[in-house]
Amino acid sequence: MDAATFRVLGHRLVDQLADFLESVPRRPVTHNESPSAIRDALDLGGPLPESGMDAGRLLERTAQLLFDHSLLNGHPRFFGYVTAPPAPIGILGDFLAAAVNPNVGAWTLAPAATEIESQTVRWIAELIGYPVDCGGLLVSGGNMANFVCFLAARAAKAGWDVRDCGVAGGSGRPLRVYGSAETHTWIQKAADLGGLGTTSIRWIPTDARLRMDVALLR
């Protein structure tokens, strides 16, 4: 795709997005369609196409399908889940990041993006009263953030080098995890992927206000 075509399609898509964002309050939160209805609308019953579609037509059709068959978490009457509404500046930020497509796995791969990430971590630390000389990184969401912390706790409390010897490489005593009975399902995922197994979790009951019973924990 040459620059001129990209410019035309990009402007057209931004116009579609702006119209969509403006129309969200007038749309239903969801059409409550069945999976089969969604598949029919997306025309997913056919085989792998042998040839592609014109980029302009593809973008326009895909945008309209997403607008018409999605649950709108940016709707003023959407009260479910924790998903934030899309912020226009965030949409443009994603657009910009996708254009550069930085890989922040190493500083040399993405110098500017890595420094932006580091500064963001320092600002967050300052906001919550944490030492600004701390380390940190941005992850994809809450599940992954908890998973990273789970691995850090495993390394800190195991008493041996888990990375080198594995979870069974210590004294023979299995590692245990203690959590409130109300803990989100991220903990089962972390125990599974972290090699401890879900039977390592010790669920601590809660009181009538869903607070962990600390006496039982002790």
Foldseek 3Di string as FASTA:
>chain_A
DDPVVCVVLVVVLVVVVVVLVVCQQVDDQAPPDDPVVLCVLVVVPDDDDPDDDDPSVVSVSVSVSCSHHDRQCQHPPDDDDDDHHDDPVVVVVVVVCVVVVFDVPDCVRPVVVVVVQLVVQLVVCVVVVHDSVDDDGDDDDDLVVVLVVVVVVCCVPQPDRCVVQNQCRPPNDQAAAEDEPPDDCSVQVSCVVSVRHNVRYDYAYADPVSHGPVVVVD
